Amino acid sequence: YRWHDTKKIPAFYPFGHGLSYTDFKYGKASASAKTISGDQNLTITIPVRNTGSVEGKEVVQLYIGDESASVLRPLKELKGFEKISLKPGEEKAVTFTVKPDDLKFYDDKTGSWRAEPGKFKAYIGSSSADIRATVPFELK
C-alpha cells in the first residue's frame, strides 16, 4: 500500500480492505495535543458507530504520514489498528497512542533511527484507501 499511495497507483484491493454486513460511520477525530516533543506520546481518539441493522465488526486503522521529510518516505504508514464489535446503533470511542518511535525512519547516512521535527498527519480509516478522518500535528 505504501508504494501505491506514494505513487498514486490505485490498488484493486487496498491494504486492510474488508467486507461487512453492516455499515460504520466514523465521527470527528481528536488529538491530545497539536504539538508534541520528541519524547512525548500523542493520543488520538475517534468515535465509530454501527449505522446498520445487524451486529458487525470493524478494524479501525491508524496511519501516520510525515508531511515534511528530508528523505523519500511513504505517504502514510500503518502504525496501529483495533478490531471492534458493535451492535446496531452502538458507538465506541477508539483510542490510539502514537509513540515517539512511530515517527522515526531509518537514516542510512547515520545508521540510526530518527524522527525529524515537522508536520505530520494521522489518518484514520477502514483501509489504506478508505480514510475517514485526518488529524494534523507537529513534532518540535
N, C-alpha and C. Protein backbone atom coordinates (compact mmCIF):
# COMPACT_ATOMS: atom_id res chain seq x y z
N TYR A 1 0.81 -1.19 0.00
CA TYR A 1 0.00 0.00 0.00
C TYR A 1 0.86 1.26 0.00
N ARG A 2 2.02 1.18 0.61
CA ARG A 2 2.86 2.39 0.72
C ARG A 2 3.31 2.86 -0.66
N TRP A 3 3.70 1.92 -1.51
CA TRP A 3 4.12 2.29 -2.87
C TRP A 3 2.92 2.82 -3.66
N HIS A 4 1.80 2.13 -3.57
CA HIS A 4 0.59 2.54 -4.29
C HIS A 4 0.18 3.96 -3.88
N ASP A 5 0.13 4.23 -2.58
CA ASP A 5 -0.27 5.56 -2.10
C ASP A 5 0.72 6.64 -2.53
N THR A 6 2.00 6.36 -2.36
CA THR A 6 3.03 7.35 -2.66
C THR A 6 3.07 7.68 -4.15
N LYS A 7 2.89 6.66 -4.99
CA LYS A 7 2.94 6.85 -6.44
C LYS A 7 1.56 7.06 -7.07
N LYS A 8 0.52 7.15 -6.22
CA LYS A 8 -0.86 7.38 -6.68
C LYS A 8 -1.32 6.33 -7.69
N ILE A 9 -1.05 5.06 -7.37
CA ILE A 9 -1.47 3.93 -8.19
C ILE A 9 -2.63 3.24 -7.46
N PRO A 10 -3.83 3.24 -8.03
CA PRO A 10 -4.95 2.60 -7.33
C PRO A 10 -4.74 1.08 -7.22
N ALA A 11 -5.10 0.53 -6.07
CA ALA A 11 -4.99 -0.91 -5.84
C ALA A 11 -6.36 -1.55 -6.04
N PHE A 12 -6.38 -2.78 -6.55
CA PHE A 12 -7.65 -3.49 -6.72
C PHE A 12 -8.28 -3.77 -5.35
N TYR A 13 -7.47 -4.17 -4.39
CA TYR A 13 -7.93 -4.44 -3.04
C TYR A 13 -6.98 -3.72 -2.09
N PRO A 14 -7.37 -2.56 -1.59
CA PRO A 14 -6.47 -1.78 -0.72
C PRO A 14 -6.11 -2.55 0.55
N PHE A 15 -4.96 -2.24 1.08
CA PHE A 15 -4.50 -2.85 2.33
C PHE A 15 -5.53 -2.61 3.42
N GLY A 16 -5.90 -3.68 4.14
CA GLY A 16 -6.86 -3.56 5.22
C GLY A 16 -8.30 -3.65 4.77
N HIS A 17 -8.52 -3.80 3.46
CA HIS A 17 -9.88 -3.86 2.92
C HIS A 17 -10.60 -5.08 3.47
N GLY A 18 -11.85 -4.89 3.84
CA GLY A 18 -12.66 -5.99 4.32
C GLY A 18 -14.12 -5.76 3.98
N LEU A 19 -14.91 -6.78 4.13
CA LEU A 19 -16.34 -6.68 3.84
C LEU A 19 -17.13 -6.90 5.13
N SER A 20 -18.30 -6.31 5.19
CA SER A 20 -19.14 -6.44 6.37
C SER A 20 -20.60 -6.47 5.94
N TYR A 21 -21.44 -6.99 6.81
CA TYR A 21 -22.88 -6.99 6.55
C TYR A 21 -23.55 -5.74 7.10
N THR A 22 -22.78 -4.83 7.61
CA THR A 22 -23.33 -3.61 8.19
C THR A 22 -22.45 -2.42 7.78
N ASP A 23 -22.86 -1.24 8.18
CA ASP A 23 -22.13 -0.01 7.84
C ASP A 23 -21.65 0.68 9.12
N PHE A 24 -20.53 1.36 8.99
CA PHE A 24 -19.95 2.07 10.13
C PHE A 24 -19.72 3.53 9.76
N LYS A 25 -20.05 4.41 10.70
CA LYS A 25 -19.82 5.83 10.49
C LYS A 25 -18.75 6.27 11.49
N TYR A 26 -17.72 6.94 10.97
CA TYR A 26 -16.65 7.46 11.80
C TYR A 26 -16.97 8.92 12.12
N GLY A 27 -16.79 9.31 13.38
CA GLY A 27 -17.02 10.68 13.78
C GLY A 27 -15.77 11.53 13.61
N LYS A 28 -15.75 12.64 14.29
CA LYS A 28 -14.61 13.56 14.21
C LYS A 28 -13.49 13.09 15.14
N ALA A 29 -12.31 12.94 14.58
CA ALA A 29 -11.14 12.51 15.36
C ALA A 29 -10.57 13.69 16.13
N SER A 30 -10.02 13.40 17.29
CA SER A 30 -9.39 14.45 18.09
C SER A 30 -8.05 13.94 18.61
N ALA A 31 -7.14 14.88 18.88
CA ALA A 31 -5.81 14.57 19.39
C ALA A 31 -5.61 15.24 20.74
N SER A 32 -4.76 14.65 21.56
CA SER A 32 -4.50 15.20 22.89
C SER A 32 -3.67 16.48 22.83
N ALA A 33 -3.00 16.73 21.70
CA ALA A 33 -2.20 17.95 21.55
C ALA A 33 -2.01 18.23 20.07
N LYS A 34 -1.72 19.48 19.75
CA LYS A 34 -1.42 19.86 18.37
C LYS A 34 0.08 19.79 18.09
N THR A 35 0.86 19.90 19.17
CA THR A 35 2.32 19.88 19.07
C THR A 35 2.87 18.99 20.17
N ILE A 36 3.84 18.14 19.80
CA ILE A 36 4.50 17.28 20.79
C ILE A 36 6.01 17.40 20.63
N SER A 37 6.73 17.03 21.69
CA SER A 37 8.19 17.00 21.60
C SER A 37 8.62 15.57 21.30
N GLY A 38 9.89 15.37 21.07
CA GLY A 38 10.41 14.08 20.65
C GLY A 38 10.28 12.95 21.65
N ASP A 39 9.93 13.25 22.91
CA ASP A 39 9.79 12.19 23.90
C ASP A 39 8.36 12.04 24.41
N GLN A 40 7.40 12.71 23.78
CA GLN A 40 6.00 12.66 24.22
C GLN A 40 5.18 11.72 23.36
N ASN A 41 4.14 11.15 23.98
CA ASN A 41 3.15 10.38 23.26
C ASN A 41 2.00 11.30 22.84
N LEU A 42 1.29 10.91 21.81
CA LEU A 42 0.11 11.63 21.34
C LEU A 42 -1.05 10.65 21.35
N THR A 43 -2.17 11.05 21.91
CA THR A 43 -3.36 10.19 21.94
C THR A 43 -4.36 10.71 20.93
N ILE A 44 -4.83 9.80 20.08
CA ILE A 44 -5.83 10.15 19.06
C ILE A 44 -7.07 9.30 19.31
N THR A 45 -8.23 9.94 19.36
CA THR A 45 -9.49 9.27 19.64
C THR A 45 -10.49 9.57 18.54
N ILE A 46 -11.25 8.53 18.15
CA ILE A 46 -12.29 8.71 17.13
C ILE A 46 -13.50 7.85 17.51
N PRO A 47 -14.71 8.43 17.45
CA PRO A 47 -15.91 7.62 17.69
C PRO A 47 -16.30 6.87 16.42
N VAL A 48 -16.73 5.62 16.59
CA VAL A 48 -17.19 4.80 15.47
C VAL A 48 -18.56 4.24 15.85
N ARG A 49 -19.52 4.39 14.94
CA ARG A 49 -20.91 3.95 15.19
C ARG A 49 -21.33 2.95 14.12
N ASN A 50 -22.03 1.91 14.58
CA ASN A 50 -22.64 0.94 13.67
C ASN A 50 -23.98 1.54 13.22
N THR A 51 -24.07 1.94 11.96
CA THR A 51 -25.30 2.56 11.45
C THR A 51 -26.18 1.56 10.72
N GLY A 52 -25.77 0.30 10.70
CA GLY A 52 -26.55 -0.74 10.02
C GLY A 52 -27.56 -1.38 10.95
N SER A 53 -28.19 -2.45 10.46
CA SER A 53 -29.26 -3.11 11.21
C SER A 53 -28.82 -4.43 11.85
N VAL A 54 -27.55 -4.82 11.67
CA VAL A 54 -27.04 -6.04 12.29
C VAL A 54 -25.73 -5.77 13.01
N GLU A 55 -25.40 -6.64 13.97
CA GLU A 55 -24.13 -6.52 14.68
C GLU A 55 -22.98 -6.78 13.71
N GLY A 56 -21.87 -6.07 13.89
CA GLY A 56 -20.74 -6.25 12.99
C GLY A 56 -19.43 -5.88 13.65
N LYS A 57 -18.35 -6.24 12.96
CA LYS A 57 -17.01 -5.94 13.43
C LYS A 57 -16.32 -5.04 12.41
N GLU A 58 -15.52 -4.13 12.93
CA GLU A 58 -14.79 -3.18 12.10
C GLU A 58 -13.35 -3.12 12.59
N VAL A 59 -12.40 -3.06 11.66
CA VAL A 59 -10.99 -2.88 12.02
C VAL A 59 -10.65 -1.42 11.72
N VAL A 60 -10.51 -0.64 12.79
CA VAL A 60 -10.17 0.77 12.67
C VAL A 60 -8.65 0.87 12.60
N GLN A 61 -8.15 1.57 11.57
CA GLN A 61 -6.71 1.60 11.30
C GLN A 61 -6.15 3.01 11.42
N LEU A 62 -4.97 3.11 12.01
CA LEU A 62 -4.26 4.38 12.16
C LEU A 62 -3.02 4.37 11.29
N TYR A 63 -2.90 5.37 10.44
CA TYR A 63 -1.72 5.56 9.59
C TYR A 63 -1.11 6.91 9.95
N ILE A 64 0.21 7.02 9.84
CA ILE A 64 0.90 8.29 10.09
C ILE A 64 1.67 8.67 8.83
N GLY A 65 1.57 9.94 8.45
CA GLY A 65 2.30 10.46 7.31
C GLY A 65 3.17 11.64 7.72
N ASP A 66 4.40 11.67 7.24
CA ASP A 66 5.33 12.76 7.51
C ASP A 66 5.19 13.76 6.36
N GLU A 67 4.73 14.96 6.67
CA GLU A 67 4.44 15.97 5.66
C GLU A 67 5.68 16.70 5.14
N SER A 68 6.78 16.66 5.91
CA SER A 68 7.93 17.46 5.53
C SER A 68 9.26 16.72 5.72
N ALA A 69 9.31 15.48 5.30
CA ALA A 69 10.53 14.68 5.49
C ALA A 69 11.63 15.13 4.53
N SER A 70 12.87 15.00 4.98
CA SER A 70 14.01 15.36 4.12
C SER A 70 14.40 14.19 3.22
N VAL A 71 13.84 13.02 3.47
CA VAL A 71 14.08 11.83 2.65
C VAL A 71 12.75 11.35 2.08
N LEU A 72 12.81 10.52 1.06
CA LEU A 72 11.59 9.96 0.48
C LEU A 72 10.96 8.98 1.47
N ARG A 73 9.76 9.29 1.88
CA ARG A 73 9.01 8.42 2.79
C ARG A 73 7.65 8.15 2.18
N PRO A 74 7.02 7.04 2.55
CA PRO A 74 5.68 6.76 2.04
C PRO A 74 4.70 7.86 2.46
N LEU A 75 3.64 8.01 1.70
CA LEU A 75 2.60 8.99 2.03
C LEU A 75 2.07 8.74 3.44
N LYS A 76 1.84 7.46 3.77
CA LYS A 76 1.39 7.10 5.10
C LYS A 76 1.82 5.67 5.42
N GLU A 77 2.00 5.40 6.72
CA GLU A 77 2.42 4.09 7.17
C GLU A 77 1.51 3.63 8.31
N LEU A 78 1.10 2.35 8.27
CA LEU A 78 0.25 1.79 9.32
C LEU A 78 1.01 1.78 10.64
N LYS A 79 0.39 2.35 11.68
CA LYS A 79 1.03 2.41 12.99
C LYS A 79 0.17 1.79 14.08
N GLY A 80 -1.07 1.44 13.77
CA GLY A 80 -1.92 0.80 14.76
C GLY A 80 -3.26 0.43 14.17
N PHE A 81 -3.93 -0.51 14.83
CA PHE A 81 -5.28 -0.88 14.43
C PHE A 81 -5.99 -1.48 15.63
N GLU A 82 -7.31 -1.44 15.60
CA GLU A 82 -8.12 -2.03 16.65
C GLU A 82 -9.39 -2.60 16.04
N LYS A 83 -9.67 -3.85 16.37
CA LYS A 83 -10.89 -4.51 15.89
C LYS A 83 -11.96 -4.34 16.96
N ILE A 84 -13.09 -3.78 16.55
CA ILE A 84 -14.18 -3.55 17.49
C ILE A 84 -15.44 -4.26 16.99
N SER A 85 -16.29 -4.63 17.92
CA SER A 85 -17.57 -5.26 17.61
C SER A 85 -18.67 -4.34 18.14
N LEU A 86 -19.63 -4.01 17.26
CA LEU A 86 -20.69 -3.08 17.64
C LEU A 86 -22.06 -3.65 17.27
N LYS A 87 -23.00 -3.48 18.19
CA LYS A 87 -24.39 -3.83 17.91
C LYS A 87 -25.01 -2.69 17.08
N PRO A 88 -26.15 -2.92 16.43
CA PRO A 88 -26.78 -1.83 15.66
C PRO A 88 -27.01 -0.59 16.52
N GLY A 89 -26.58 0.56 16.03
CA GLY A 89 -26.75 1.82 16.75
C GLY A 89 -25.71 2.08 17.82
N GLU A 90 -24.90 1.10 18.17
CA GLU A 90 -23.89 1.27 19.21
C GLU A 90 -22.71 2.07 18.69
N GLU A 91 -22.11 2.86 19.61
CA GLU A 91 -20.94 3.67 19.27
C GLU A 91 -19.85 3.42 20.30
N LYS A 92 -18.62 3.34 19.83
CA LYS A 92 -17.46 3.20 20.72
C LYS A 92 -16.41 4.22 20.32
N ALA A 93 -15.69 4.70 21.32
CA ALA A 93 -14.54 5.57 21.06
C ALA A 93 -13.30 4.69 20.96
N VAL A 94 -12.60 4.81 19.85
CA VAL A 94 -11.36 4.05 19.63
C VAL A 94 -10.20 5.00 19.88
N THR A 95 -9.27 4.57 20.70
CA THR A 95 -8.13 5.42 21.07
C THR A 95 -6.82 4.76 20.66
N PHE A 96 -5.97 5.56 20.03
CA PHE A 96 -4.64 5.13 19.62
C PHE A 96 -3.61 5.99 20.34
N THR A 97 -2.47 5.39 20.67
CA THR A 97 -1.36 6.14 21.24
C THR A 97 -0.22 6.15 20.22
N VAL A 98 0.16 7.33 19.79
CA VAL A 98 1.29 7.50 18.86
C VAL A 98 2.52 7.74 19.73
N LYS A 99 3.48 6.83 19.64
CA LYS A 99 4.71 6.92 20.44
C LYS A 99 5.81 7.55 19.60
N PRO A 100 6.84 8.08 20.26
CA PRO A 100 7.95 8.70 19.51
C PRO A 100 8.54 7.80 18.43
N ASP A 101 8.65 6.50 18.69
CA ASP A 101 9.21 5.57 17.70
C ASP A 101 8.34 5.47 16.44
N ASP A 102 7.04 5.75 16.57
CA ASP A 102 6.14 5.69 15.41
C ASP A 102 6.45 6.76 14.37
N LEU A 103 7.20 7.78 14.75
CA LEU A 103 7.51 8.89 13.85
C LEU A 103 8.90 8.76 13.23
N LYS A 104 9.63 7.74 13.62
CA LYS A 104 11.02 7.60 13.17
C LYS A 104 11.14 6.86 11.84
N PHE A 105 12.25 7.11 11.17
CA PHE A 105 12.62 6.39 9.97
C PHE A 105 14.10 6.04 10.09
N TYR A 106 14.53 5.04 9.32
CA TYR A 106 15.92 4.64 9.35
C TYR A 106 16.73 5.55 8.43
N ASP A 107 17.70 6.22 9.00
CA ASP A 107 18.59 7.11 8.25
C ASP A 107 19.84 6.33 7.88
N ASP A 108 19.97 5.97 6.61
CA ASP A 108 21.12 5.15 6.19
C ASP A 108 22.43 5.93 6.22
N LYS A 109 22.36 7.26 6.24
CA LYS A 109 23.59 8.05 6.31
C LYS A 109 24.21 7.98 7.69
N THR A 110 23.38 7.97 8.73
CA THR A 110 23.89 7.92 10.09
C THR A 110 23.82 6.52 10.69
N GLY A 111 23.09 5.62 10.01
CA GLY A 111 22.95 4.26 10.52
C GLY A 111 22.11 4.17 11.77
N SER A 112 21.11 5.07 11.89
CA SER A 112 20.27 5.07 13.09
C SER A 112 18.83 5.46 12.74
N TRP A 113 17.95 5.20 13.69
CA TRP A 113 16.55 5.60 13.56
C TRP A 113 16.39 7.01 14.11
N ARG A 114 15.67 7.86 13.38
CA ARG A 114 15.46 9.22 13.88
C ARG A 114 14.15 9.80 13.37
N ALA A 115 13.65 10.75 14.10
CA ALA A 115 12.45 11.49 13.71
C ALA A 115 12.85 12.94 13.51
N GLU A 116 12.39 13.51 12.43
CA GLU A 116 12.69 14.92 12.15
C GLU A 116 11.55 15.79 12.64
N PRO A 117 11.88 16.93 13.24
CA PRO A 117 10.81 17.87 13.59
C PRO A 117 10.07 18.29 12.32
N GLY A 118 8.79 18.55 12.47
CA GLY A 118 8.00 18.98 11.33
C GLY A 118 6.54 18.59 11.46
N LYS A 119 5.84 18.73 10.36
CA LYS A 119 4.40 18.47 10.34
C LYS A 119 4.12 17.02 9.96
N PHE A 120 3.18 16.44 10.70
CA PHE A 120 2.73 15.07 10.47
C PHE A 120 1.22 15.09 10.34
N LYS A 121 0.69 13.98 9.84
CA LYS A 121 -0.75 13.83 9.75
C LYS A 121 -1.11 12.41 10.16
N ALA A 122 -2.11 12.28 11.03
CA ALA A 122 -2.66 10.98 11.39
C ALA A 122 -3.89 10.74 10.52
N TYR A 123 -3.93 9.58 9.89
CA TYR A 123 -5.05 9.18 9.03
C TYR A 123 -5.76 8.01 9.73
N ILE A 124 -7.07 8.09 9.86
CA ILE A 124 -7.84 7.02 10.47
C ILE A 124 -8.86 6.54 9.46
N GLY A 125 -8.93 5.22 9.27
CA GLY A 125 -9.87 4.70 8.30
C GLY A 125 -10.09 3.22 8.43
N SER A 126 -10.86 2.67 7.47
CA SER A 126 -11.16 1.24 7.48
C SER A 126 -10.26 0.47 6.51
N SER A 127 -9.46 1.16 5.72
CA SER A 127 -8.42 0.55 4.88
C SER A 127 -7.45 1.65 4.49
N SER A 128 -6.38 1.28 3.80
CA SER A 128 -5.40 2.29 3.39
C SER A 128 -5.99 3.27 2.39
N ALA A 129 -7.04 2.86 1.67
CA ALA A 129 -7.66 3.73 0.67
C ALA A 129 -8.96 4.37 1.16
N ASP A 130 -9.47 3.92 2.29
CA ASP A 130 -10.75 4.43 2.82
C ASP A 130 -10.49 5.19 4.12
N ILE A 131 -9.90 6.36 3.99
CA ILE A 131 -9.57 7.20 5.13
C ILE A 131 -10.80 8.02 5.50
N ARG A 132 -11.20 7.95 6.76
CA ARG A 132 -12.43 8.62 7.22
C ARG A 132 -12.17 9.91 7.98
N ALA A 133 -10.94 10.07 8.51
CA ALA A 133 -10.61 11.28 9.27
C ALA A 133 -9.11 11.51 9.27
N THR A 134 -8.71 12.77 9.35
CA THR A 134 -7.30 13.11 9.47
C THR A 134 -7.12 14.09 10.61
N VAL A 135 -5.96 14.00 11.25
CA VAL A 135 -5.61 14.89 12.35
C VAL A 135 -4.18 15.37 12.14
N PRO A 136 -4.00 16.67 11.90
CA PRO A 136 -2.62 17.17 11.77
C PRO A 136 -2.00 17.41 13.15
N PHE A 137 -0.67 17.23 13.23
CA PHE A 137 0.06 17.56 14.45
C PHE A 137 1.50 17.87 14.07
N GLU A 138 2.22 18.43 15.01
CA GLU A 138 3.60 18.83 14.74
C GLU A 138 4.54 18.27 15.78
N LEU A 139 5.71 17.85 15.33
CA LEU A 139 6.77 17.37 16.21
C LEU A 139 7.80 18.48 16.33
N LYS A 140 8.04 18.94 17.55
CA LYS A 140 9.02 20.01 17.80
C LYS A 140 10.38 19.43 18.11
